[in-house]
Protein backbone atom coordinates (compact mmCIF):
# COMPACT_ATOMS: atom_id res chain seq x y z
CA MET A 1 -46.19 -24.46 -67.27
CA TYR A 2 -47.24 -20.87 -66.81
CA SER A 3 -45.83 -19.02 -63.80
CA LEU A 4 -45.15 -15.46 -62.77
CA ARG A 5 -41.54 -14.66 -62.05
CA ALA A 6 -40.95 -12.82 -58.79
CA LYS A 7 -39.83 -9.47 -59.91
CA ASP A 8 -40.90 -5.79 -59.44
CA THR A 9 -42.61 -6.03 -62.84
CA PRO A 10 -43.29 -9.77 -63.17
CA THR A 11 -42.99 -11.58 -66.45
CA VAL A 12 -44.55 -15.00 -67.18
CA SER A 13 -42.84 -18.21 -67.89
CA THR A 14 -44.84 -19.66 -70.76
CA PRO A 15 -44.53 -22.53 -73.28
CA LEU A 16 -43.20 -21.44 -76.74
CA THR A 17 -43.79 -22.75 -80.18
CA TRP A 18 -40.75 -23.89 -82.16
CA ASP A 19 -41.50 -21.12 -84.68
CA GLU A 20 -41.13 -18.49 -81.90
CA VAL A 21 -37.81 -20.07 -80.82
CA ALA A 22 -36.51 -20.01 -84.41
CA ALA A 23 -37.69 -16.43 -85.02
CA THR A 24 -35.97 -15.23 -81.84
CA GLY A 25 -32.75 -16.99 -82.76
CA GLU A 26 -32.86 -15.37 -86.22
CA SER A 27 -33.61 -11.88 -84.81
CA GLY A 28 -31.13 -12.18 -81.97
CA ASP A 29 -33.58 -10.35 -79.69
CA PRO A 30 -34.47 -12.34 -76.60
CA GLN A 31 -36.91 -9.60 -75.54
CA THR A 32 -39.42 -11.01 -77.95
CA LEU A 33 -39.82 -13.95 -75.55
CA ARG A 34 -40.70 -11.76 -72.48
CA PHE A 35 -44.40 -11.90 -71.66
CA SER A 36 -46.47 -9.86 -69.22
CA HIS A 37 -49.45 -11.45 -67.40
CA SER A 38 -51.91 -9.97 -69.91
CA GLN A 39 -49.81 -11.19 -72.91
CA ALA A 40 -49.76 -14.65 -71.36
CA LEU A 41 -53.53 -14.68 -71.07
CA SER A 42 -53.84 -13.54 -74.74
CA ARG A 43 -51.48 -16.32 -75.76
CA VAL A 44 -53.69 -18.89 -74.11
CA GLU A 45 -56.72 -17.46 -75.91
CA GLU A 46 -54.86 -17.52 -79.22
CA HIS A 47 -52.99 -20.83 -78.97
CA ALA A 48 -54.91 -22.66 -76.24
CA ASP A 49 -52.59 -24.16 -73.59
CA LEU A 50 -49.46 -25.24 -75.41
CA PHE A 51 -48.48 -27.31 -72.35
CA ALA A 52 -51.80 -29.35 -72.14
CA PRO A 53 -50.69 -32.23 -74.36
CA VAL A 54 -47.96 -33.09 -71.84
CA LEU A 55 -50.64 -34.04 -69.30
CA THR A 56 -52.02 -36.82 -71.51
CA GLN A 57 -49.13 -37.75 -73.86
CA GLN A 58 -48.07 -41.40 -73.56
CA GLN A 59 -44.36 -41.89 -73.51
CA THR A 60 -42.02 -44.83 -73.56
CA LEU A 61 -38.73 -44.06 -71.89
CA PRO A 62 -35.63 -46.27 -72.25
CA LYS A 63 -34.54 -48.34 -69.31
CA LEU A 64 -31.57 -46.95 -67.45
CA GLU A 65 -28.74 -49.34 -66.85
């Protein structure tokens, strides 16, 4: 889900690829995962909506006992 964070200079909460998560872990620099509104729009153009499959993905969840 994409959403602006309420800050003086808002960043955007955006889905990530596993490669981005791994690269950030290796670099140790969490700033690589901070996105401005314009970067978020560029990400959607480049990757499409990474969250979109969640809307149609069929899941089978285990029964809770």
